Amino acid sequence: MSVEVWLSFIIASAILVAIPGPANLFLITSTLRGGYRAGVPAIIGVGIGVFTSVLLALLSVSSAIATSDYLFSILKYGGAAYLVYLGVNVWRTSDQTPNPRADCEVSRRSITVSAFLVSILNPKVLMFYVAFLPQFIDPEMPLLVQAEILMATFVVLALINASIWVFFARVSTQLFKANSLFLLANQTAAVLLIVAGCSVVLGS
């Protein structure tokens, strides 16, 4: 692809990944509660989720899901239920003060899996990739090479964006040293996760 098309894709993708959504919210929540020991595994999970979503879109698996009401409903309601579950879990433990050193290997793995599920369990994201990515593909040029470039670029941008969210969330923990402020931050994040889950269903 031409450099102009690639740069246009970078700009469009950077704006897309920076838009606040469930995945970015999960990154913030995890980092507020566990510092970098929780934020880094969340970044990995989001990166794997974005890679999987883009790969599915490029393989047109998402198109098959779009034509199947059954598969689409499974993803939609499953993703919504998982977001609500995360929100309820954050609310129930919202009074726990940050303890970055308390994470063991199992919990970090759990955070990675949760971040992956938050990223992947949204059929509308898959459908968007199906509509978004082809706009930057030239059918007269090698498709595989273009697909690899677009996928690698998008995943790198998603990882950079996730790292920025985690960095600012970690820095902001200095503002929430008081238990009352930390409790408010956690409860706000919990409500937003629940609202995000409900919007997946109600917004359809």
N, C-alpha and C. Protein backbone atom coordinates (compact mmCIF):
# COMPACT_ATOMS: atom_id res chain seq x y z
N MET A 1 0.85 -1.20 0.00
CA MET A 1 0.00 0.00 0.00
C MET A 1 0.88 1.24 0.00
N SER A 2 0.30 2.35 -0.44
CA SER A 2 1.06 3.59 -0.48
C SER A 2 1.26 4.15 0.92
N VAL A 3 2.27 4.98 1.05
CA VAL A 3 2.56 5.60 2.35
C VAL A 3 1.39 6.48 2.78
N GLU A 4 0.76 7.15 1.81
CA GLU A 4 -0.36 8.04 2.14
C GLU A 4 -1.52 7.26 2.77
N VAL A 5 -1.84 6.10 2.16
CA VAL A 5 -2.93 5.27 2.69
C VAL A 5 -2.58 4.76 4.08
N TRP A 6 -1.32 4.34 4.25
CA TRP A 6 -0.89 3.82 5.55
C TRP A 6 -0.96 4.88 6.63
N LEU A 7 -0.53 6.10 6.31
CA LEU A 7 -0.60 7.19 7.28
C LEU A 7 -2.05 7.54 7.62
N SER A 8 -2.91 7.49 6.61
CA SER A 8 -4.33 7.74 6.87
C SER A 8 -4.90 6.67 7.79
N PHE A 9 -4.47 5.44 7.60
CA PHE A 9 -4.92 4.34 8.46
C PHE A 9 -4.42 4.55 9.89
N ILE A 10 -3.19 5.00 10.04
CA ILE A 10 -2.63 5.24 11.37
C ILE A 10 -3.45 6.30 12.10
N ILE A 11 -3.75 7.39 11.42
CA ILE A 11 -4.51 8.47 12.05
C ILE A 11 -5.90 7.99 12.45
N ALA A 12 -6.59 7.32 11.52
CA ALA A 12 -7.94 6.84 11.81
C ALA A 12 -7.93 5.81 12.95
N SER A 13 -6.95 4.93 12.94
CA SER A 13 -6.87 3.88 13.97
C SER A 13 -6.52 4.46 15.33
N ALA A 14 -5.62 5.46 15.35
CA ALA A 14 -5.24 6.09 16.61
C ALA A 14 -6.44 6.74 17.28
N ILE A 15 -7.27 7.38 16.47
CA ILE A 15 -8.48 8.00 17.01
C ILE A 15 -9.43 6.93 17.52
N LEU A 16 -9.55 5.85 16.75
CA LEU A 16 -10.47 4.77 17.11
C LEU A 16 -10.10 4.13 18.44
N VAL A 17 -8.83 3.76 18.61
CA VAL A 17 -8.44 3.04 19.83
C VAL A 17 -8.44 3.95 21.05
N ALA A 18 -8.34 5.27 20.83
CA ALA A 18 -8.31 6.20 21.96
C ALA A 18 -9.69 6.50 22.53
N ILE A 19 -10.74 6.17 21.77
CA ILE A 19 -12.10 6.43 22.24
C ILE A 19 -12.37 5.60 23.49
N PRO A 20 -12.80 6.23 24.58
CA PRO A 20 -13.07 5.48 25.82
C PRO A 20 -14.13 4.41 25.59
N GLY A 21 -13.84 3.23 26.07
CA GLY A 21 -14.77 2.11 25.93
C GLY A 21 -14.53 1.11 27.04
N PRO A 22 -15.21 -0.04 27.01
CA PRO A 22 -15.06 -1.04 28.07
C PRO A 22 -13.61 -1.50 28.28
N ALA A 23 -12.87 -1.70 27.18
CA ALA A 23 -11.49 -2.17 27.33
C ALA A 23 -10.62 -1.14 28.03
N ASN A 24 -10.71 0.12 27.59
CA ASN A 24 -9.93 1.18 28.24
C ASN A 24 -10.36 1.37 29.69
N LEU A 25 -11.65 1.23 29.95
CA LEU A 25 -12.15 1.34 31.33
C LEU A 25 -11.60 0.22 32.19
N PHE A 26 -11.53 -0.98 31.63
CA PHE A 26 -10.96 -2.10 32.38
C PHE A 26 -9.49 -1.88 32.68
N LEU A 27 -8.75 -1.30 31.73
CA LEU A 27 -7.34 -0.99 31.97
C LEU A 27 -7.19 -0.03 33.14
N ILE A 28 -8.02 1.00 33.16
CA ILE A 28 -7.95 2.00 34.23
C ILE A 28 -8.29 1.37 35.57
N THR A 29 -9.39 0.61 35.61
CA THR A 29 -9.83 -0.01 36.86
C THR A 29 -8.77 -0.95 37.42
N SER A 30 -8.20 -1.78 36.55
CA SER A 30 -7.18 -2.74 36.99
C SER A 30 -5.96 -2.03 37.56
N THR A 31 -5.53 -0.95 36.88
CA THR A 31 -4.34 -0.23 37.32
C THR A 31 -4.59 0.52 38.62
N LEU A 32 -5.76 1.11 38.77
CA LEU A 32 -6.09 1.81 40.01
C LEU A 32 -6.05 0.85 41.20
N ARG A 33 -6.45 -0.38 40.98
CA ARG A 33 -6.54 -1.34 42.08
C ARG A 33 -5.25 -2.09 42.32
N GLY A 34 -4.44 -2.30 41.28
CA GLY A 34 -3.25 -3.13 41.46
C GLY A 34 -1.97 -2.56 40.92
N GLY A 35 -1.98 -1.31 40.46
CA GLY A 35 -0.76 -0.71 39.93
C GLY A 35 -0.31 -1.39 38.65
N TYR A 36 0.98 -1.25 38.34
CA TYR A 36 1.51 -1.83 37.11
C TYR A 36 1.44 -3.35 37.10
N ARG A 37 1.46 -3.98 38.29
CA ARG A 37 1.38 -5.43 38.35
C ARG A 37 0.05 -5.94 37.82
N ALA A 38 -0.97 -5.08 37.85
CA ALA A 38 -2.26 -5.44 37.26
C ALA A 38 -2.43 -4.79 35.89
N GLY A 39 -1.87 -3.60 35.70
CA GLY A 39 -2.03 -2.88 34.44
C GLY A 39 -1.33 -3.56 33.28
N VAL A 40 -0.12 -4.06 33.50
CA VAL A 40 0.62 -4.70 32.41
C VAL A 40 -0.09 -5.97 31.91
N PRO A 41 -0.54 -6.87 32.80
CA PRO A 41 -1.31 -8.02 32.30
C PRO A 41 -2.57 -7.61 31.55
N ALA A 42 -3.19 -6.51 31.99
CA ALA A 42 -4.38 -6.03 31.30
C ALA A 42 -4.02 -5.55 29.89
N ILE A 43 -2.87 -4.90 29.75
CA ILE A 43 -2.42 -4.46 28.42
C ILE A 43 -2.23 -5.67 27.52
N ILE A 44 -1.62 -6.72 28.05
CA ILE A 44 -1.40 -7.94 27.26
C ILE A 44 -2.73 -8.54 26.81
N GLY A 45 -3.69 -8.59 27.73
CA GLY A 45 -4.99 -9.14 27.40
C GLY A 45 -5.71 -8.35 26.33
N VAL A 46 -5.67 -7.03 26.45
CA VAL A 46 -6.30 -6.17 25.45
C VAL A 46 -5.60 -6.34 24.09
N GLY A 47 -4.28 -6.42 24.11
CA GLY A 47 -3.53 -6.61 22.86
C GLY A 47 -3.91 -7.91 22.16
N ILE A 48 -4.03 -8.99 22.94
CA ILE A 48 -4.43 -10.27 22.36
C ILE A 48 -5.86 -10.19 21.83
N GLY A 49 -6.72 -9.50 22.57
CA GLY A 49 -8.10 -9.36 22.14
C GLY A 49 -8.21 -8.57 20.84
N VAL A 50 -7.47 -7.47 20.74
CA VAL A 50 -7.48 -6.66 19.52
C VAL A 50 -6.92 -7.46 18.34
N PHE A 51 -5.83 -8.18 18.58
CA PHE A 51 -5.24 -9.00 17.52
C PHE A 51 -6.25 -10.03 17.02
N THR A 52 -6.94 -10.69 17.96
CA THR A 52 -7.92 -11.70 17.58
C THR A 52 -9.08 -11.09 16.79
N SER A 53 -9.56 -9.94 17.25
CA SER A 53 -10.68 -9.29 16.57
C SER A 53 -10.32 -8.88 15.15
N VAL A 54 -9.14 -8.27 14.99
CA VAL A 54 -8.71 -7.85 13.67
C VAL A 54 -8.48 -9.06 12.77
N LEU A 55 -7.90 -10.12 13.32
CA LEU A 55 -7.66 -11.33 12.53
C LEU A 55 -8.98 -11.94 12.07
N LEU A 56 -9.96 -12.02 12.97
CA LEU A 56 -11.27 -12.54 12.60
C LEU A 56 -11.91 -11.69 11.51
N ALA A 57 -11.76 -10.39 11.64
CA ALA A 57 -12.34 -9.49 10.63
C ALA A 57 -11.69 -9.71 9.27
N LEU A 58 -10.36 -9.82 9.27
CA LEU A 58 -9.65 -10.01 8.01
C LEU A 58 -9.94 -11.38 7.40
N LEU A 59 -10.26 -12.35 8.22
CA LEU A 59 -10.61 -13.68 7.72
C LEU A 59 -12.09 -13.79 7.38
N SER A 60 -12.81 -12.68 7.62
CA SER A 60 -14.24 -12.60 7.31
C SER A 60 -15.10 -13.51 8.19
N VAL A 61 -14.53 -13.98 9.30
CA VAL A 61 -15.34 -14.76 10.24
C VAL A 61 -16.44 -13.89 10.82
N SER A 62 -16.13 -12.62 11.00
CA SER A 62 -17.11 -11.70 11.55
C SER A 62 -18.32 -11.56 10.63
N SER A 63 -18.09 -11.66 9.34
CA SER A 63 -19.20 -11.58 8.40
C SER A 63 -20.16 -12.73 8.59
N ALA A 64 -19.59 -13.92 8.88
CA ALA A 64 -20.44 -15.07 9.13
C ALA A 64 -21.25 -14.88 10.40
N ILE A 65 -20.63 -14.27 11.42
CA ILE A 65 -21.35 -14.00 12.66
C ILE A 65 -22.46 -12.99 12.43
N ALA A 66 -22.18 -12.03 11.56
CA ALA A 66 -23.17 -10.99 11.28
C ALA A 66 -24.43 -11.56 10.64
N THR A 67 -24.26 -12.63 9.88
CA THR A 67 -25.40 -13.23 9.19
C THR A 67 -26.11 -14.28 10.04
N SER A 68 -25.58 -14.55 11.21
CA SER A 68 -26.19 -15.53 12.11
C SER A 68 -26.71 -14.83 13.35
N ASP A 69 -28.01 -14.72 13.46
CA ASP A 69 -28.60 -14.07 14.64
C ASP A 69 -28.24 -14.81 15.92
N TYR A 70 -28.13 -16.12 15.82
CA TYR A 70 -27.84 -16.94 17.00
C TYR A 70 -26.44 -16.63 17.54
N LEU A 71 -25.43 -16.66 16.65
CA LEU A 71 -24.06 -16.39 17.09
C LEU A 71 -23.90 -14.96 17.56
N PHE A 72 -24.54 -14.05 16.85
CA PHE A 72 -24.46 -12.64 17.24
C PHE A 72 -25.06 -12.43 18.63
N SER A 73 -26.20 -13.09 18.90
CA SER A 73 -26.85 -12.94 20.20
C SER A 73 -26.00 -13.53 21.32
N ILE A 74 -25.35 -14.65 21.04
CA ILE A 74 -24.48 -15.27 22.05
C ILE A 74 -23.36 -14.31 22.44
N LEU A 75 -22.71 -13.72 21.44
CA LEU A 75 -21.63 -12.77 21.72
C LEU A 75 -22.15 -11.53 22.43
N LYS A 76 -23.28 -11.02 21.94
CA LYS A 76 -23.80 -9.77 22.50
C LYS A 76 -24.18 -9.94 23.96
N TYR A 77 -25.01 -10.94 24.26
CA TYR A 77 -25.48 -11.11 25.63
C TYR A 77 -24.38 -11.66 26.54
N GLY A 78 -23.51 -12.48 25.98
CA GLY A 78 -22.38 -12.97 26.78
C GLY A 78 -21.44 -11.84 27.17
N GLY A 79 -21.12 -10.96 26.21
CA GLY A 79 -20.26 -9.82 26.51
C GLY A 79 -20.89 -8.86 27.50
N ALA A 80 -22.20 -8.60 27.32
CA ALA A 80 -22.90 -7.70 28.24
C ALA A 80 -22.91 -8.26 29.66
N ALA A 81 -23.19 -9.56 29.78
CA ALA A 81 -23.23 -10.20 31.09
C ALA A 81 -21.85 -10.16 31.77
N TYR A 82 -20.80 -10.33 30.97
CA TYR A 82 -19.46 -10.33 31.55
C TYR A 82 -19.07 -8.94 32.05
N LEU A 83 -19.44 -7.91 31.30
CA LEU A 83 -19.15 -6.54 31.75
C LEU A 83 -19.90 -6.22 33.04
N VAL A 84 -21.16 -6.63 33.11
CA VAL A 84 -21.94 -6.41 34.32
C VAL A 84 -21.32 -7.17 35.49
N TYR A 85 -20.90 -8.40 35.24
CA TYR A 85 -20.24 -9.20 36.28
C TYR A 85 -18.99 -8.50 36.80
N LEU A 86 -18.17 -7.98 35.89
CA LEU A 86 -16.97 -7.26 36.31
C LEU A 86 -17.32 -6.04 37.14
N GLY A 87 -18.35 -5.30 36.70
CA GLY A 87 -18.77 -4.12 37.43
C GLY A 87 -19.24 -4.45 38.84
N VAL A 88 -20.03 -5.50 38.96
CA VAL A 88 -20.52 -5.91 40.28
C VAL A 88 -19.36 -6.35 41.16
N ASN A 89 -18.40 -7.06 40.59
CA ASN A 89 -17.25 -7.54 41.35
C ASN A 89 -16.40 -6.37 41.84
N VAL A 90 -16.21 -5.36 40.97
CA VAL A 90 -15.45 -4.17 41.37
C VAL A 90 -16.18 -3.43 42.49
N TRP A 91 -17.50 -3.32 42.38
CA TRP A 91 -18.29 -2.63 43.41
C TRP A 91 -18.18 -3.34 44.75
N ARG A 92 -18.25 -4.66 44.74
CA ARG A 92 -18.21 -5.44 45.99
C ARG A 92 -16.87 -5.31 46.70
N THR A 93 -15.81 -5.08 45.93
CA THR A 93 -14.48 -4.97 46.54
C THR A 93 -13.95 -3.54 46.45
N SER A 94 -14.85 -2.58 46.28
CA SER A 94 -14.42 -1.19 46.07
C SER A 94 -13.76 -0.56 47.28
N ASP A 95 -13.98 -1.14 48.47
CA ASP A 95 -13.38 -0.55 49.67
C ASP A 95 -11.99 -1.08 49.95
N GLN A 96 -11.48 -1.95 49.08
CA GLN A 96 -10.13 -2.48 49.28
C GLN A 96 -9.11 -1.48 48.75
N THR A 97 -8.17 -1.10 49.58
CA THR A 97 -7.16 -0.13 49.17
C THR A 97 -6.18 -0.76 48.20
N PRO A 98 -5.50 0.06 47.37
CA PRO A 98 -4.57 -0.48 46.38
C PRO A 98 -3.44 -1.26 47.04
N ASN A 99 -3.09 -2.39 46.44
CA ASN A 99 -2.00 -3.21 46.95
C ASN A 99 -1.29 -3.86 45.78
N PRO A 100 -0.47 -3.10 45.05
CA PRO A 100 0.16 -3.61 43.86
C PRO A 100 0.98 -4.87 44.07
N ARG A 101 1.53 -5.07 45.27
CA ARG A 101 2.39 -6.23 45.51
C ARG A 101 1.61 -7.48 45.89
N ALA A 102 0.30 -7.36 46.00
CA ALA A 102 -0.49 -8.51 46.44
C ALA A 102 -0.81 -9.48 45.32
N ASP A 103 -0.57 -9.09 44.06
CA ASP A 103 -0.94 -9.94 42.93
C ASP A 103 0.02 -11.12 42.82
N CYS A 104 -0.52 -12.31 42.72
CA CYS A 104 0.27 -13.50 42.46
C CYS A 104 0.18 -13.82 40.97
N GLU A 105 0.89 -14.85 40.52
CA GLU A 105 0.90 -15.20 39.10
C GLU A 105 -0.49 -15.55 38.60
N VAL A 106 -1.27 -16.24 39.43
CA VAL A 106 -2.61 -16.64 39.01
C VAL A 106 -3.49 -15.43 38.78
N SER A 107 -3.45 -14.45 39.69
CA SER A 107 -4.29 -13.27 39.54
C SER A 107 -3.90 -12.45 38.32
N ARG A 108 -2.61 -12.38 38.03
CA ARG A 108 -2.18 -11.66 36.84
C ARG A 108 -2.68 -12.35 35.58
N ARG A 109 -2.64 -13.67 35.60
CA ARG A 109 -3.17 -14.42 34.46
C ARG A 109 -4.67 -14.20 34.33
N SER A 110 -5.35 -14.12 35.45
CA SER A 110 -6.79 -13.87 35.45
C SER A 110 -7.11 -12.49 34.87
N ILE A 111 -6.30 -11.50 35.20
CA ILE A 111 -6.49 -10.15 34.67
C ILE A 111 -6.31 -10.15 33.15
N THR A 112 -5.30 -10.88 32.67
CA THR A 112 -5.06 -10.97 31.23
C THR A 112 -6.26 -11.59 30.52
N VAL A 113 -6.78 -12.66 31.09
CA VAL A 113 -7.94 -13.34 30.50
C VAL A 113 -9.16 -12.41 30.50
N SER A 114 -9.37 -11.72 31.62
CA SER A 114 -10.51 -10.81 31.71
C SER A 114 -10.40 -9.68 30.69
N ALA A 115 -9.21 -9.11 30.54
CA ALA A 115 -9.00 -8.04 29.56
C ALA A 115 -9.25 -8.55 28.14
N PHE A 116 -8.80 -9.76 27.88
CA PHE A 116 -9.05 -10.37 26.56
C PHE A 116 -10.54 -10.53 26.29
N LEU A 117 -11.27 -11.03 27.28
CA LEU A 117 -12.70 -11.24 27.11
C LEU A 117 -13.45 -9.92 26.93
N VAL A 118 -13.05 -8.90 27.68
CA VAL A 118 -13.68 -7.59 27.53
C VAL A 118 -13.46 -7.07 26.11
N SER A 119 -12.29 -7.33 25.55
CA SER A 119 -11.97 -6.84 24.21
C SER A 119 -12.69 -7.61 23.11
N ILE A 120 -12.83 -8.92 23.32
CA ILE A 120 -13.34 -9.77 22.24
C ILE A 120 -14.85 -9.98 22.28
N LEU A 121 -15.45 -9.90 23.49
CA LEU A 121 -16.88 -10.21 23.61
C LEU A 121 -17.75 -9.00 23.30
N ASN A 122 -17.55 -8.45 22.14
CA ASN A 122 -18.37 -7.34 21.68
C ASN A 122 -18.55 -7.49 20.17
N PRO A 123 -19.65 -8.06 19.73
CA PRO A 123 -19.85 -8.31 18.30
C PRO A 123 -19.84 -7.04 17.46
N LYS A 124 -20.25 -5.93 18.06
CA LYS A 124 -20.27 -4.68 17.31
C LYS A 124 -18.85 -4.25 16.94
N VAL A 125 -17.88 -4.58 17.79
CA VAL A 125 -16.49 -4.26 17.47
C VAL A 125 -16.04 -5.08 16.26
N LEU A 126 -16.39 -6.37 16.26
CA LEU A 126 -16.04 -7.22 15.13
C LEU A 126 -16.67 -6.70 13.84
N MET A 127 -17.94 -6.32 13.93
CA MET A 127 -18.63 -5.81 12.75
C MET A 127 -17.98 -4.50 12.26
N PHE A 128 -17.54 -3.70 13.21
CA PHE A 128 -16.91 -2.43 12.83
C PHE A 128 -15.61 -2.69 12.09
N TYR A 129 -14.81 -3.64 12.57
CA TYR A 129 -13.56 -3.96 11.89
C TYR A 129 -13.83 -4.43 10.47
N VAL A 130 -14.90 -5.22 10.29
CA VAL A 130 -15.25 -5.71 8.96
C VAL A 130 -15.53 -4.54 8.02
N ALA A 131 -16.19 -3.50 8.54
CA ALA A 131 -16.52 -2.33 7.72
C ALA A 131 -15.34 -1.37 7.59
N PHE A 132 -14.47 -1.33 8.62
CA PHE A 132 -13.41 -0.33 8.69
C PHE A 132 -12.18 -0.73 7.88
N LEU A 133 -11.70 -1.94 8.06
CA LEU A 133 -10.44 -2.35 7.46
C LEU A 133 -10.44 -2.35 5.94
N PRO A 134 -11.50 -2.84 5.28
CA PRO A 134 -11.47 -2.88 3.80
C PRO A 134 -11.31 -1.51 3.14
N GLN A 135 -11.62 -0.44 3.86
CA GLN A 135 -11.51 0.89 3.29
C GLN A 135 -10.06 1.23 2.93
N PHE A 136 -9.12 0.51 3.53
CA PHE A 136 -7.71 0.82 3.32
C PHE A 136 -6.99 -0.28 2.52
N ILE A 137 -7.75 -1.18 1.93
CA ILE A 137 -7.16 -2.27 1.15
C ILE A 137 -7.39 -2.04 -0.33
N ASP A 138 -6.32 -2.12 -1.09
CA ASP A 138 -6.39 -1.97 -2.54
C ASP A 138 -6.48 -3.36 -3.16
N PRO A 139 -7.61 -3.70 -3.78
CA PRO A 139 -7.77 -5.06 -4.34
C PRO A 139 -6.80 -5.38 -5.46
N GLU A 140 -6.15 -4.37 -6.01
CA GLU A 140 -5.21 -4.60 -7.11
C GLU A 140 -3.80 -4.86 -6.61
N MET A 141 -3.61 -4.79 -5.30
CA MET A 141 -2.29 -5.05 -4.72
C MET A 141 -2.37 -6.31 -3.86
N PRO A 142 -1.21 -6.91 -3.51
CA PRO A 142 -1.21 -8.16 -2.72
C PRO A 142 -2.02 -8.01 -1.44
N LEU A 143 -3.07 -8.80 -1.31
CA LEU A 143 -3.98 -8.67 -0.17
C LEU A 143 -3.34 -9.11 1.13
N LEU A 144 -2.58 -10.21 1.09
CA LEU A 144 -1.98 -10.75 2.31
C LEU A 144 -1.02 -9.76 2.94
N VAL A 145 -0.19 -9.14 2.11
CA VAL A 145 0.78 -8.18 2.63
C VAL A 145 0.05 -6.99 3.24
N GLN A 146 -0.97 -6.50 2.56
CA GLN A 146 -1.74 -5.37 3.08
C GLN A 146 -2.41 -5.73 4.41
N ALA A 147 -2.97 -6.94 4.47
CA ALA A 147 -3.64 -7.38 5.69
C ALA A 147 -2.66 -7.45 6.85
N GLU A 148 -1.46 -7.96 6.58
CA GLU A 148 -0.44 -8.06 7.63
C GLU A 148 -0.02 -6.68 8.12
N ILE A 149 0.14 -5.74 7.20
CA ILE A 149 0.52 -4.38 7.58
C ILE A 149 -0.56 -3.73 8.43
N LEU A 150 -1.82 -3.85 7.99
CA LEU A 150 -2.92 -3.24 8.72
C LEU A 150 -3.07 -3.86 10.11
N MET A 151 -2.97 -5.17 10.18
CA MET A 151 -3.14 -5.85 11.47
C MET A 151 -2.01 -5.48 12.43
N ALA A 152 -0.78 -5.51 11.95
CA ALA A 152 0.36 -5.18 12.81
C ALA A 152 0.27 -3.73 13.28
N THR A 153 -0.08 -2.83 12.37
CA THR A 153 -0.19 -1.41 12.72
C THR A 153 -1.27 -1.18 13.77
N PHE A 154 -2.42 -1.80 13.57
CA PHE A 154 -3.54 -1.59 14.50
C PHE A 154 -3.22 -2.15 15.88
N VAL A 155 -2.61 -3.32 15.93
CA VAL A 155 -2.28 -3.93 17.22
C VAL A 155 -1.25 -3.09 17.97
N VAL A 156 -0.24 -2.60 17.25
CA VAL A 156 0.78 -1.75 17.89
C VAL A 156 0.15 -0.48 18.44
N LEU A 157 -0.73 0.14 17.66
CA LEU A 157 -1.40 1.36 18.14
C LEU A 157 -2.28 1.06 19.35
N ALA A 158 -2.94 -0.09 19.34
CA ALA A 158 -3.78 -0.47 20.47
C ALA A 158 -2.94 -0.68 21.73
N LEU A 159 -1.76 -1.28 21.58
CA LEU A 159 -0.87 -1.50 22.72
C LEU A 159 -0.33 -0.17 23.25
N ILE A 160 0.02 0.74 22.34
CA ILE A 160 0.49 2.06 22.77
C ILE A 160 -0.61 2.79 23.52
N ASN A 161 -1.82 2.75 22.98
CA ASN A 161 -2.95 3.40 23.64
C ASN A 161 -3.21 2.80 25.01
N ALA A 162 -3.17 1.47 25.10
CA ALA A 162 -3.41 0.80 26.39
C ALA A 162 -2.33 1.19 27.40
N SER A 163 -1.09 1.28 26.94
CA SER A 163 0.00 1.66 27.83
C SER A 163 -0.17 3.08 28.36
N ILE A 164 -0.67 3.97 27.50
CA ILE A 164 -0.90 5.36 27.93
C ILE A 164 -1.98 5.41 28.99
N TRP A 165 -3.09 4.68 28.77
CA TRP A 165 -4.17 4.64 29.76
C TRP A 165 -3.66 4.11 31.09
N VAL A 166 -2.86 3.05 31.05
CA VAL A 166 -2.33 2.46 32.28
C VAL A 166 -1.38 3.43 32.97
N PHE A 167 -0.55 4.11 32.21
CA PHE A 167 0.40 5.05 32.80
C PHE A 167 -0.33 6.17 33.55
N PHE A 168 -1.31 6.77 32.89
CA PHE A 168 -2.03 7.87 33.54
C PHE A 168 -2.87 7.37 34.71
N ALA A 169 -3.38 6.16 34.61
CA ALA A 169 -4.14 5.60 35.74
C ALA A 169 -3.21 5.37 36.93
N ARG A 170 -2.00 4.90 36.65
CA ARG A 170 -1.03 4.65 37.74
C ARG A 170 -0.62 5.97 38.39
N VAL A 171 -0.39 6.98 37.57
CA VAL A 171 -0.01 8.29 38.12
C VAL A 171 -1.14 8.87 38.96
N SER A 172 -2.38 8.67 38.51
CA SER A 172 -3.52 9.25 39.20
C SER A 172 -3.80 8.58 40.54
N THR A 173 -3.21 7.40 40.78
CA THR A 173 -3.44 6.75 42.07
C THR A 173 -2.90 7.59 43.22
N GLN A 174 -1.95 8.47 42.92
CA GLN A 174 -1.45 9.37 43.95
C GLN A 174 -2.55 10.30 44.45
N LEU A 175 -3.55 10.53 43.60
CA LEU A 175 -4.65 11.41 43.99
C LEU A 175 -5.69 10.69 44.84
N PHE A 176 -5.61 9.36 44.86
CA PHE A 176 -6.63 8.58 45.54
C PHE A 176 -6.09 7.85 46.77
N LYS A 177 -5.09 8.45 47.41
CA LYS A 177 -4.53 7.81 48.59
C LYS A 177 -5.54 7.77 49.73
N ALA A 178 -6.38 8.78 49.81
CA ALA A 178 -7.42 8.78 50.84
C ALA A 178 -8.44 7.70 50.51
N ASN A 179 -8.82 6.92 51.51
CA ASN A 179 -9.73 5.80 51.28
C ASN A 179 -11.05 6.24 50.67
N SER A 180 -11.55 7.42 51.09
CA SER A 180 -12.83 7.88 50.58
C SER A 180 -12.76 8.17 49.09
N LEU A 181 -11.65 8.78 48.65
CA LEU A 181 -11.50 9.07 47.22
C LEU A 181 -11.31 7.80 46.42
N PHE A 182 -10.54 6.86 46.97
CA PHE A 182 -10.33 5.60 46.26
C PHE A 182 -11.63 4.82 46.15
N LEU A 183 -12.43 4.85 47.22
CA LEU A 183 -13.73 4.18 47.19
C LEU A 183 -14.61 4.78 46.11
N LEU A 184 -14.63 6.10 46.02
CA LEU A 184 -15.44 6.78 45.01
C LEU A 184 -14.97 6.42 43.60
N ALA A 185 -13.65 6.38 43.40
CA ALA A 185 -13.11 6.04 42.08
C ALA A 185 -13.49 4.63 41.68
N ASN A 186 -13.39 3.70 42.62
CA ASN A 186 -13.75 2.31 42.33
C ASN A 186 -15.23 2.16 42.03
N GLN A 187 -16.06 2.81 42.83
CA GLN A 187 -17.50 2.70 42.62
C GLN A 187 -17.93 3.34 41.30
N THR A 188 -17.27 4.43 40.94
CA THR A 188 -17.56 5.06 39.65
C THR A 188 -17.20 4.12 38.50
N ALA A 189 -16.02 3.49 38.61
CA ALA A 189 -15.59 2.55 37.57
C ALA A 189 -16.55 1.36 37.50
N ALA A 190 -17.01 0.89 38.65
CA ALA A 190 -17.95 -0.23 38.68
C ALA A 190 -19.25 0.12 37.97
N VAL A 191 -19.77 1.30 38.25
CA VAL A 191 -21.03 1.75 37.62
C VAL A 191 -20.83 1.87 36.11
N LEU A 192 -19.70 2.40 35.68
CA LEU A 192 -19.45 2.57 34.25
C LEU A 192 -19.34 1.22 33.54
N LEU A 193 -18.74 0.23 34.20
CA LEU A 193 -18.68 -1.10 33.61
C LEU A 193 -20.07 -1.70 33.46
N ILE A 194 -20.91 -1.53 34.48
CA ILE A 194 -22.27 -2.05 34.41
C ILE A 194 -23.05 -1.34 33.31
N VAL A 195 -22.90 -0.02 33.23
CA VAL A 195 -23.58 0.75 32.19
C VAL A 195 -23.11 0.32 30.80
N ALA A 196 -21.79 0.07 30.67
CA ALA A 196 -21.25 -0.38 29.39
C ALA A 196 -21.87 -1.72 28.99
N GLY A 197 -22.02 -2.62 29.97
CA GLY A 197 -22.64 -3.90 29.69
C GLY A 197 -24.08 -3.75 29.24
N CYS A 198 -24.82 -2.91 29.92
CA CYS A 198 -26.22 -2.69 29.56
C CYS A 198 -26.35 -2.03 28.19
N SER A 199 -25.42 -1.14 27.88
CA SER A 199 -25.51 -0.43 26.59
C SER A 199 -25.29 -1.36 25.41
N VAL A 200 -24.51 -2.45 25.63
CA VAL A 200 -24.30 -3.41 24.55
C VAL A 200 -25.62 -4.01 24.10
N VAL A 201 -26.50 -4.26 25.08
CA VAL A 201 -27.81 -4.84 24.77
C VAL A 201 -28.80 -3.78 24.33
N LEU A 202 -28.90 -2.71 25.11
CA LEU A 202 -29.91 -1.69 24.85
C LEU A 202 -29.60 -0.87 23.60
N GLY A 203 -28.31 -0.83 23.23
CA GLY A 203 -27.94 -0.03 22.06
C GLY A 203 -28.16 -0.73 20.75
N SER A 204 -28.58 -2.00 20.79
CA SER A 204 -28.77 -2.74 19.56
C SER A 204 -30.11 -2.44 18.93
